[in-house]
Amino acid sequence: MDTLLTAPSYLWKDQFWENPWDQGGLAVISLFIATVLVLLSFAMVFGALPPPKKAGHSRKS
């Protein structure tokens, strides 16, 4: 047990940043989450606003 505590070893964070596929996966997941949040905020903002009132002009066809 003492050898595990005293032996220097790479942390999982160091191993994570050495692998470019892990970095790419993190970027894709981050972009997906950001896109979902932007779409949710867009839906909340424009869904909460009342529809614009018409000026009373009618089109004759």
C-alpha atoms as a PDB file:
ATOM      1  CA  MET A   1       0.000   0.000   0.000  1.00  0.00           C
ATOM      2  CA  ASP A   2       2.852   2.388   0.766  1.00  0.00           C
ATOM      3  CA  THR A   3       4.393   1.846  -2.650  1.00  0.00           C
ATOM      4  CA  LEU A   4       1.209   3.073  -4.305  1.00  0.00           C
ATOM      5  CA  LEU A   5       1.255   6.260  -2.289  1.00  0.00           C
ATOM      6  CA  THR A   6       4.945   7.038  -2.709  1.00  0.00           C
ATOM      7  CA  ALA A   7       5.576   5.941  -6.306  1.00  0.00           C
ATOM      8  CA  PRO A   8       5.299   8.837  -8.751  1.00  0.00           C
ATOM      9  CA  SER A   9       2.819   8.069 -11.482  1.00  0.00           C
ATOM     10  CA  TYR A  10       0.864   9.972 -14.055  1.00  0.00           C
ATOM     11  CA  LEU A  11      -2.470  11.193 -12.972  1.00  0.00           C
ATOM     12  CA  TRP A  12      -5.460  10.440 -15.144  1.00  0.00           C
ATOM     13  CA  LYS A  13      -5.574  14.125 -16.088  1.00  0.00           C
ATOM     14  CA  ASP A  14      -2.099  13.929 -17.590  1.00  0.00           C
ATOM     15  CA  GLN A  15      -2.980  10.810 -19.546  1.00  0.00           C
ATOM     16  CA  PHE A  16      -6.208  12.405 -20.742  1.00  0.00           C
ATOM     17  CA  TRP A  17      -4.527  15.452 -22.265  1.00  0.00           C
ATOM     18  CA  GLU A  18      -1.946  13.301 -24.066  1.00  0.00           C
ATOM     19  CA  ASN A  19      -4.606  11.541 -26.157  1.00  0.00           C
ATOM     20  CA  PRO A  20      -5.914  13.718 -29.026  1.00  0.00           C
ATOM     21  CA  TRP A  21      -9.027  11.549 -29.466  1.00  0.00           C
ATOM     22  CA  ASP A  22     -10.081  12.339 -25.915  1.00  0.00           C
ATOM     23  CA  GLN A  23      -9.583  16.037 -26.570  1.00  0.00           C
ATOM     24  CA  GLY A  24     -11.670  15.838 -29.732  1.00  0.00           C
ATOM     25  CA  GLY A  25     -14.412  13.990 -27.897  1.00  0.00           C
ATOM     26  CA  LEU A  26     -14.427  16.631 -25.197  1.00  0.00           C
ATOM     27  CA  ALA A  27     -14.706  19.359 -27.843  1.00  0.00           C
ATOM     28  CA  VAL A  28     -17.612  17.609 -29.583  1.00  0.00           C
ATOM     29  CA  ILE A  29     -19.492  17.037 -26.334  1.00  0.00           C
ATOM     30  CA  SER A  30     -18.895  20.655 -25.274  1.00  0.00           C
ATOM     31  CA  LEU A  31     -20.181  21.979 -28.604  1.00  0.00           C
ATOM     32  CA  PHE A  32     -23.246  19.745 -28.389  1.00  0.00           C
ATOM     33  CA  ILE A  33     -24.078  20.963 -24.883  1.00  0.00           C
ATOM     34  CA  ALA A  34     -23.506  24.593 -25.897  1.00  0.00           C
ATOM     35  CA  THR A  35     -25.775  24.175 -28.935  1.00  0.00           C
ATOM     36  CA  VAL A  36     -28.550  22.650 -26.849  1.00  0.00           C
ATOM     37  CA  LEU A  37     -28.312  25.474 -24.315  1.00  0.00           C
ATOM     38  CA  VAL A  38     -28.417  28.130 -27.045  1.00  0.00           C
ATOM     39  CA  LEU A  39     -31.454  26.509 -28.665  1.00  0.00           C
ATOM     40  CA  LEU A  40     -33.226  26.218 -25.309  1.00  0.00           C
ATOM     41  CA  SER A  41     -32.570  29.858 -24.474  1.00  0.00           C
ATOM     42  CA  PHE A  42     -33.726  30.879 -27.971  1.00  0.00           C
ATOM     43  CA  ALA A  43     -36.955  28.915 -27.508  1.00  0.00           C
ATOM     44  CA  MET A  44     -37.533  30.360 -24.048  1.00  0.00           C
ATOM     45  CA  VAL A  45     -36.958  33.964 -25.105  1.00  0.00           C
ATOM     46  CA  PHE A  46     -39.003  33.915 -28.281  1.00  0.00           C
ATOM     47  CA  GLY A  47     -41.648  31.610 -26.860  1.00  0.00           C
ATOM     48  CA  ALA A  48     -42.284  33.955 -23.943  1.00  0.00           C
ATOM     49  CA  LEU A  49     -42.697  37.068 -26.078  1.00  0.00           C
ATOM     50  CA  PRO A  50     -46.206  37.876 -27.260  1.00  0.00           C
ATOM     51  CA  PRO A  51     -46.795  37.768 -31.006  1.00  0.00           C
ATOM     52  CA  PRO A  52     -46.526  41.149 -32.736  1.00  0.00           C
ATOM     53  CA  LYS A  53     -49.820  42.976 -33.192  1.00  0.00           C
ATOM     54  CA  LYS A  54     -50.947  43.706 -36.690  1.00  0.00           C
ATOM     55  CA  ALA A  55     -51.463  47.330 -37.655  1.00  0.00           C
ATOM     56  CA  GLY A  56     -54.941  46.662 -38.991  1.00  0.00           C
ATOM     57  CA  HIS A  57     -53.958  46.690 -42.634  1.00  0.00           C
ATOM     58  CA  SER A  58     -55.672  44.035 -44.643  1.00  0.00           C
ATOM     59  CA  ARG A  59     -54.437  42.767 -47.947  1.00  0.00           C
ATOM     60  CA  LYS A  60     -56.842  42.432 -50.796  1.00  0.00           C
ATOM     61  CA  SER A  61     -56.099  39.632 -53.164  1.00  0.00           C
END
